[in-house]
Amino acid sequence: MKFINEAIEFFRNLSLENIIDIGIGLAIIVFFKIFSSFFAYIIIKMFRLKKDKAKVKENVFYKPLKIFFALLGVYLGIIVLKFPDNVVNIATKIFKICTILLVAKGFSNLFDTNSETFGKIREKLHIDGTDTTINFFSKILKALIYIVAAFIVIAELGYDLSGLVTGLGISSVVIALAAQDVAKSFLAGLSIISDRPFDIGDYIEVDKYAGTVEDMTFRTTRIRDVNNQIVVLPNSILTTTSIINSSKREKRRYDILLTLELNTPLERVASLTENIKTVLNANENILKENIRVFFDTISADGIDISVSFYTDIIDYEAFLKFKEEINFTLLDMIKQAGIELAYPSQSIYLKKE
């Protein structure tokens, strides 16, 4: 409240000198706002050998520097305006905190998975891994940067960090109990990264949930199910439940049972079986060593021919289309052989009185 009253009092007692100072202050603010991009460009350019302007603007520090110079203009403008000391002190503190956060933002951008700098760091340190692994460690590094920045901001606000650390030590048991699940999920996340049961983009089944993995954080994994809904699963569940990863399969199995009428001549059954084997062997998407076509059983409904094989088509939608083509082919072969498929039947006997 005192701060607001002092600011109001300042504008009430404006003199010609104050008006000139206001004009100069506003000019400084506008100047730095207009040329903030230029200053950021020059500084980035000083530390880069490339002359490509677009590349300079893609630098991770470009936007933070641009914001910094705009804020610097506002801060210098406040100083030129000769506000009361309390106002200037608050503005100085705000400016310092914003600068700390902008520096943290710049260094955090270094560890974006798609940043050129992070790519070079990975190359030099020979860090290899899947998208899941890289995303996970990127988030850890960025979190550490913001934690350090938060401690610096707390110190800048005048709080005693030693007292804060002592307080954390005294209440460590309470914090440990409260964060038990978080810690468990975090360690589970590290376990997932180590074991790599799935990667981002894989289609997995966990308990009663199934979907495509979209993201993994310290605590949770997000999958998008077939209804386009996001399912958020704690990492601790993923390490204690069986996971079916459909994307890791190298082939798909297809089974079908053809039930022919009981009165079908055996020579036609044998001929159809051989013809099906021939057609399946000729299909380039079917693995030849796994084709199985046999006269399987004689059931109550008819003669059962079992057909099974593996295909190298992994994509689910493509597999459905492939199954459709195979089904059409089998039905056409049965029709060409002059054979009828059997239908479930039931005999009913009536007792005469």
Protein backbone atom coordinates (compact mmCIF):
# COMPACT_ATOMS: atom_id res chain seq x y z
CA MET A 1 0.00 0.00 0.00
CA LYS A 2 2.89 2.30 0.86
CA PHE A 3 4.38 1.61 -2.55
CA ILE A 4 1.13 2.68 -4.31
CA ASN A 5 0.79 5.83 -2.19
CA GLU A 6 4.36 6.89 -2.97
CA ALA A 7 3.79 6.36 -6.71
CA ILE A 8 0.56 8.43 -6.57
CA GLU A 9 2.35 11.18 -4.62
CA PHE A 10 5.13 11.22 -7.19
CA PHE A 11 2.73 11.88 -10.09
CA ARG A 12 0.83 14.53 -8.08
CA ASN A 13 3.93 16.70 -7.59
CA LEU A 14 5.15 16.60 -11.18
CA SER A 15 7.49 19.40 -12.25
CA LEU A 16 8.86 20.35 -15.66
CA GLU A 17 11.99 18.37 -14.83
CA ASN A 18 9.88 15.36 -13.96
CA ILE A 19 7.98 15.63 -17.25
CA ILE A 20 11.28 15.71 -19.15
CA ASP A 21 12.44 12.66 -17.18
CA ILE A 22 9.20 10.88 -18.05
CA GLY A 23 9.74 11.66 -21.74
CA ILE A 24 13.31 10.35 -21.57
CA GLY A 25 12.20 7.27 -19.61
CA LEU A 26 9.45 6.44 -22.11
CA ALA A 27 11.90 7.00 -24.97
CA ILE A 28 14.32 4.52 -23.38
CA ILE A 29 11.53 1.95 -22.93
CA VAL A 30 10.36 2.31 -26.55
CA PHE A 31 13.97 2.26 -27.82
CA PHE A 32 14.83 -1.00 -26.06
CA LYS A 33 11.50 -2.53 -27.07
CA ILE A 34 12.09 -1.71 -30.75
CA PHE A 35 15.73 -2.77 -30.78
CA SER A 36 15.50 -5.77 -28.40
CA SER A 37 15.53 -8.17 -31.37
CA PHE A 38 18.57 -6.41 -32.82
CA PHE A 39 20.52 -6.53 -29.53
CA ALA A 40 19.66 -10.22 -29.06
CA TYR A 41 20.73 -10.91 -32.65
CA ILE A 42 24.07 -9.12 -32.19
CA ILE A 43 24.91 -10.99 -28.98
CA ILE A 44 24.03 -14.39 -30.48
CA LYS A 45 25.98 -13.48 -33.59
CA MET A 46 29.07 -12.73 -31.48
CA PHE A 47 29.16 -16.31 -30.23
CA ARG A 48 28.30 -18.02 -33.53
CA LEU A 49 30.35 -18.44 -36.69
CA LYS A 50 27.35 -18.97 -38.96
CA LYS A 51 26.05 -15.98 -40.91
CA ASP A 52 22.61 -17.40 -41.55
CA LYS A 53 20.10 -15.02 -39.94
CA ALA A 54 17.45 -17.72 -39.58
CA LYS A 55 19.91 -19.95 -37.72
CA VAL A 56 20.78 -17.14 -35.31
CA LYS A 57 17.09 -16.60 -34.51
CA GLU A 58 16.68 -20.33 -33.85
CA ASN A 59 19.29 -20.15 -31.08
CA VAL A 60 17.91 -21.20 -27.69
CA PHE A 61 18.99 -17.91 -26.06
CA TYR A 62 17.53 -15.62 -28.73
CA LYS A 63 14.01 -15.22 -27.28
CA PRO A 64 15.17 -14.94 -23.62
CA LEU A 65 17.69 -12.25 -24.65
CA LYS A 66 15.02 -10.40 -26.61
CA ILE A 67 12.73 -10.35 -23.54
CA PHE A 68 15.69 -9.37 -21.33
CA PHE A 69 16.45 -6.24 -23.37
CA ALA A 70 12.78 -5.24 -23.38
CA LEU A 71 12.72 -5.58 -19.56
CA LEU A 72 16.05 -3.74 -19.32
CA GLY A 73 14.48 -0.80 -21.15
CA VAL A 74 11.60 -0.72 -18.64
CA TYR A 75 14.02 -0.94 -15.69
CA LEU A 76 16.26 1.87 -17.02
CA GLY A 77 13.17 3.93 -17.73
CA ILE A 78 12.04 3.57 -14.08
CA ILE A 79 15.50 4.67 -12.88
CA VAL A 80 15.49 7.73 -15.17
CA LEU A 81 12.02 8.66 -13.91
CA LYS A 82 13.59 9.10 -10.44
CA PHE A 83 10.88 7.28 -8.56
CA PRO A 84 11.18 7.06 -4.76
CA ASP A 85 13.82 4.61 -3.46
CA ASN A 86 11.20 2.04 -2.42
CA VAL A 87 9.80 1.91 -5.96
CA VAL A 88 13.27 1.63 -7.51
CA ASN A 89 14.27 -1.10 -5.02
CA ILE A 90 11.16 -3.17 -5.85
CA ALA A 91 11.75 -2.65 -9.59
CA THR A 92 15.39 -3.74 -9.15
CA LYS A 93 14.34 -6.90 -7.32
CA ILE A 94 11.73 -7.73 -9.97
CA PHE A 95 14.27 -7.11 -12.74
CA LYS A 96 16.82 -9.41 -11.06
CA ILE A 97 14.26 -12.19 -10.59
CA CYS A 98 13.10 -11.89 -14.21
CA THR A 99 16.74 -12.03 -15.35
CA ILE A 100 17.35 -15.20 -13.30
CA LEU A 101 14.25 -16.85 -14.79
CA LEU A 102 15.22 -15.83 -18.33
CA VAL A 103 18.72 -17.29 -17.86
CA ALA A 104 17.12 -20.50 -16.54
CA LYS A 105 14.78 -20.52 -19.56
CA GLY A 106 17.74 -20.15 -21.93
CA PHE A 107 19.69 -23.01 -20.36
CA SER A 108 16.51 -25.08 -20.18
CA ASN A 109 16.02 -24.58 -23.92
CA LEU A 110 19.50 -26.07 -24.43
CA PHE A 111 18.10 -29.42 -23.33
CA ASP A 112 15.02 -29.42 -25.56
CA THR A 113 15.08 -32.73 -27.42
CA ASN A 114 14.76 -30.97 -30.78
CA SER A 115 17.43 -28.30 -30.12
CA GLU A 116 20.56 -28.30 -32.24
CA THR A 117 22.74 -27.72 -29.17
CA PHE A 118 21.34 -30.74 -27.34
CA GLY A 119 21.97 -32.82 -30.45
CA LYS A 120 25.64 -31.75 -30.44
CA ILE A 121 25.95 -32.51 -26.70
CA ARG A 122 24.53 -35.99 -27.30
CA GLU A 123 26.99 -36.50 -30.15
CA LYS A 124 30.04 -35.43 -28.14
CA LEU A 125 29.07 -37.44 -25.06
CA HIS A 126 27.97 -40.41 -27.21
CA ILE A 127 24.51 -40.44 -25.61
CA ASP A 128 22.30 -42.85 -27.54
CA GLY A 129 18.74 -43.90 -26.82
CA THR A 130 15.15 -43.93 -27.95
CA ASP A 131 12.80 -40.93 -27.93
CA THR A 132 11.44 -42.11 -24.58
CA THR A 133 14.91 -42.16 -22.98
CA ILE A 134 15.97 -38.81 -24.42
CA ASN A 135 12.67 -37.12 -23.44
CA PHE A 136 12.93 -38.44 -19.90
CA PHE A 137 16.49 -37.22 -19.32
CA SER A 138 15.70 -33.91 -21.03
CA LYS A 139 12.92 -33.30 -18.51
CA ILE A 140 15.18 -34.25 -15.57
CA LEU A 141 17.90 -31.79 -16.66
CA LYS A 142 15.38 -29.00 -17.25
CA ALA A 143 13.79 -29.63 -13.86
CA LEU A 144 17.21 -29.39 -12.16
CA ILE A 145 17.87 -26.05 -13.88
CA TYR A 146 14.56 -24.60 -12.66
CA ILE A 147 15.15 -25.95 -9.14
CA VAL A 148 18.51 -24.14 -9.00
CA ALA A 149 16.84 -20.99 -10.37
CA ALA A 150 14.09 -21.27 -7.73
CA PHE A 151 16.70 -21.40 -4.92
CA ILE A 152 18.48 -18.34 -6.36
CA VAL A 153 15.16 -16.46 -6.55
CA ILE A 154 14.38 -17.40 -2.93
CA ALA A 155 17.79 -16.08 -1.88
CA GLU A 156 17.20 -12.89 -3.88
CA LEU A 157 13.90 -12.38 -2.06
CA GLY A 158 15.86 -12.29 1.18
CA TYR A 159 15.00 -15.67 2.63
CA ASP A 160 17.69 -17.57 4.52
CA LEU A 161 18.38 -20.74 2.59
CA SER A 162 20.19 -22.35 5.53
CA GLY A 163 17.02 -21.93 7.59
CA LEU A 164 14.98 -23.36 4.72
CA VAL A 165 17.27 -26.39 4.47
CA THR A 166 17.08 -26.89 8.26
CA GLY A 167 13.32 -26.68 8.10
CA LEU A 168 13.28 -29.24 5.33
CA GLY A 169 15.48 -31.50 7.47
CA ILE A 170 13.12 -31.27 10.44
CA SER A 171 10.08 -32.05 8.33
CA SER A 172 11.81 -34.62 6.11
CA VAL A 173 9.77 -37.50 7.56
CA VAL A 174 6.48 -35.75 6.78
CA ILE A 175 7.67 -34.88 3.28
CA ALA A 176 8.89 -38.43 2.69
CA LEU A 177 5.53 -39.86 3.68
CA ALA A 178 3.62 -37.34 1.56
CA ALA A 179 5.86 -37.90 -1.46
CA GLN A 180 6.04 -41.69 -1.14
CA ASP A 181 3.90 -42.36 -4.20
CA VAL A 182 5.68 -39.67 -6.22
CA ALA A 183 9.09 -41.15 -5.34
CA LYS A 184 7.84 -44.64 -6.20
CA SER A 185 6.58 -43.49 -9.60
CA PHE A 186 9.82 -41.59 -10.26
CA LEU A 187 11.95 -44.66 -9.54
CA ALA A 188 9.54 -46.70 -11.65
CA GLY A 189 10.12 -44.21 -14.48
CA LEU A 190 13.87 -44.80 -14.22
CA SER A 191 13.22 -48.54 -14.29
CA ILE A 192 11.12 -48.18 -17.46
CA ILE A 193 13.90 -46.15 -19.10
CA SER A 194 16.40 -48.85 -18.15
CA ASP A 195 14.31 -51.86 -19.24
CA ARG A 196 12.68 -50.13 -22.24
CA PRO A 197 9.49 -52.25 -22.39
CA PHE A 198 8.04 -49.63 -24.75
CA ASP A 199 8.89 -46.40 -26.57
CA ILE A 200 6.86 -43.33 -27.44
CA GLY A 201 4.62 -44.23 -30.38
CA ASP A 202 4.28 -47.92 -29.38
CA TYR A 203 0.86 -49.52 -29.00
CA ILE A 204 0.65 -51.19 -25.58
CA GLU A 205 -1.91 -52.99 -23.41
CA VAL A 206 -1.74 -52.53 -19.62
CA ASP A 207 -4.35 -54.14 -17.42
CA LYS A 208 -7.70 -53.02 -18.94
CA TYR A 209 -6.17 -50.13 -20.90
CA ALA A 210 -4.76 -50.15 -24.42
CA GLY A 211 -3.45 -47.36 -26.63
CA THR A 212 -0.51 -45.55 -28.18
CA VAL A 213 2.15 -44.13 -25.85
CA GLU A 214 2.24 -40.34 -26.30
CA ASP A 215 4.46 -39.12 -23.46
CA MET A 216 6.25 -40.16 -20.30
CA THR A 217 7.07 -37.85 -17.37
CA PHE A 218 8.81 -38.41 -14.04
CA ARG A 219 5.62 -39.75 -12.50
CA THR A 220 3.21 -40.85 -15.23
CA THR A 221 2.89 -42.28 -18.73
CA ARG A 222 0.18 -41.04 -21.10
CA ILE A 223 -1.43 -43.28 -23.69
CA ARG A 224 -4.17 -42.45 -26.20
CA ASP A 225 -6.74 -45.24 -26.45
CA VAL A 226 -8.83 -46.32 -29.44
CA ASN A 227 -11.57 -43.85 -28.42
CA ASN A 228 -9.01 -41.01 -28.72
CA GLN A 229 -9.07 -40.52 -24.94
CA ILE A 230 -5.92 -39.81 -22.92
CA VAL A 231 -5.26 -42.38 -20.19
CA VAL A 232 -2.73 -41.30 -17.54
CA LEU A 233 -1.06 -44.23 -15.77
CA PRO A 234 1.35 -43.90 -12.80
CA ASN A 235 4.75 -45.38 -13.65
CA SER A 236 4.57 -47.49 -10.49
CA ILE A 237 1.64 -49.42 -12.01
CA LEU A 238 3.54 -50.06 -15.24
CA THR A 239 6.39 -51.75 -13.35
CA THR A 240 4.09 -54.06 -11.41
CA THR A 241 1.71 -55.05 -14.23
CA SER A 242 2.25 -57.13 -17.36
CA ILE A 243 2.66 -55.00 -20.48
CA ILE A 244 1.79 -56.25 -23.95
CA ASN A 245 3.69 -54.25 -26.56
CA SER A 246 2.09 -54.92 -29.93
CA SER A 247 4.54 -52.62 -31.73
CA LYS A 248 7.52 -54.83 -30.86
CA ARG A 249 6.14 -57.87 -32.70
CA GLU A 250 8.00 -58.96 -35.84
CA LYS A 251 5.04 -60.78 -37.39
CA ARG A 252 1.30 -61.37 -36.93
CA ARG A 253 -0.49 -64.70 -36.78
CA TYR A 254 -3.76 -65.33 -38.58
CA ASP A 255 -6.03 -68.32 -37.82
CA ILE A 256 -9.31 -69.28 -39.44
CA LEU A 257 -11.47 -72.39 -39.27
CA LEU A 258 -13.42 -73.36 -42.39
CA THR A 259 -16.33 -75.72 -41.67
CA LEU A 260 -17.51 -77.61 -44.77
CA GLU A 261 -20.73 -79.60 -45.06
CA LEU A 262 -20.47 -83.21 -43.83
CA ASN A 263 -21.51 -84.58 -47.23
CA THR A 264 -18.56 -82.91 -49.02
CA PRO A 265 -16.63 -85.54 -51.04
CA LEU A 266 -13.22 -86.27 -49.51
CA GLU A 267 -11.40 -85.74 -52.81
CA ARG A 268 -12.78 -82.20 -52.93
CA VAL A 269 -11.68 -81.62 -49.34
CA ALA A 270 -8.14 -82.79 -50.19
CA SER A 271 -8.06 -80.71 -53.39
CA LEU A 272 -9.25 -77.58 -51.59
CA THR A 273 -6.64 -78.05 -48.86
CA GLU A 274 -3.83 -78.29 -51.42
CA ASN A 275 -5.13 -75.32 -53.43
CA ILE A 276 -5.24 -73.15 -50.30
CA LYS A 277 -1.62 -74.08 -49.51
CA THR A 278 -0.58 -73.16 -53.06
CA VAL A 279 -2.34 -69.77 -52.96
CA LEU A 280 -0.92 -68.90 -49.53
CA ASN A 281 2.60 -69.86 -50.62
CA ALA A 282 2.27 -67.53 -53.60
CA ASN A 283 1.39 -64.53 -51.39
CA GLU A 284 4.48 -62.36 -50.80
CA ASN A 285 3.21 -61.09 -47.44
CA ILE A 286 2.91 -64.58 -45.92
CA LEU A 287 5.90 -66.27 -44.27
CA LYS A 288 6.25 -69.57 -46.13
CA GLU A 289 7.74 -71.66 -43.30
CA ASN A 290 4.70 -71.16 -41.05
CA ILE A 291 1.82 -72.05 -43.37
CA ARG A 292 -0.44 -74.73 -41.86
CA VAL A 293 -3.52 -76.02 -43.73
CA PHE A 294 -5.03 -79.29 -42.47
CA PHE A 295 -8.20 -81.34 -42.32
CA ASP A 296 -8.52 -80.72 -38.60
CA THR A 297 -11.61 -82.34 -37.12
CA ILE A 298 -15.03 -83.75 -37.84
CA SER A 299 -17.36 -81.65 -35.76
CA ALA A 300 -21.10 -81.82 -35.15
CA ASP A 301 -21.56 -79.14 -37.79
CA GLY A 302 -19.28 -80.49 -40.52
CA ILE A 303 -15.70 -80.99 -41.72
CA ASP A 304 -13.26 -78.49 -40.16
CA ILE A 305 -10.26 -77.28 -42.12
CA SER A 306 -7.85 -75.18 -40.04
CA VAL A 307 -5.79 -72.50 -41.77
CA SER A 308 -3.00 -70.68 -39.94
CA PHE A 309 0.06 -68.66 -40.98
CA TYR A 310 2.19 -65.65 -40.09
CA THR A 311 2.44 -62.43 -42.05
CA ASP A 312 5.10 -59.71 -41.98
CA ILE A 313 2.41 -56.99 -42.01
CA ILE A 314 2.68 -55.33 -38.57
CA ASP A 315 0.50 -52.21 -38.92
CA TYR A 316 -2.95 -53.02 -37.52
CA GLU A 317 -5.01 -51.26 -40.19
CA ALA A 318 -2.94 -52.81 -42.98
CA PHE A 319 -3.35 -56.21 -41.28
CA LEU A 320 -7.15 -55.84 -41.26
CA LYS A 321 -7.10 -55.05 -44.98
CA PHE A 322 -4.83 -58.04 -45.59
CA LYS A 323 -7.20 -60.35 -43.64
CA GLU A 324 -10.10 -59.09 -45.72
CA GLU A 325 -8.27 -59.96 -48.93
CA ILE A 326 -7.44 -63.46 -47.65
CA ASN A 327 -11.05 -64.05 -46.59
CA PHE A 328 -12.35 -63.03 -50.02
CA THR A 329 -9.82 -65.36 -51.64
CA LEU A 330 -10.80 -68.33 -49.45
CA LEU A 331 -14.52 -67.81 -50.05
CA ASP A 332 -13.93 -67.58 -53.80
CA MET A 333 -11.87 -70.82 -53.75
CA ILE A 334 -14.60 -72.65 -51.84
CA LYS A 335 -17.20 -71.43 -54.33
CA GLN A 336 -15.03 -72.42 -57.34
CA ALA A 337 -14.58 -75.92 -55.84
CA GLY A 338 -18.36 -76.35 -55.68
CA ILE A 339 -18.30 -76.73 -51.92
CA GLU A 340 -20.74 -75.25 -49.42
CA LEU A 341 -19.85 -74.00 -45.95
CA ALA A 342 -21.77 -75.69 -43.14
CA TYR A 343 -24.08 -73.81 -40.81
CA PRO A 344 -24.64 -74.65 -37.15
CA SER A 345 -27.49 -77.12 -37.10
CA GLN A 346 -29.55 -78.91 -34.51
CA SER A 347 -31.72 -81.99 -34.88
CA ILE A 348 -35.05 -82.02 -33.07
CA TYR A 349 -36.83 -85.32 -32.50
CA LEU A 350 -40.58 -85.39 -31.75
CA LYS A 351 -41.97 -88.25 -29.80
CA LYS A 352 -45.22 -89.66 -31.14
CA GLU A 353 -47.97 -90.36 -28.64
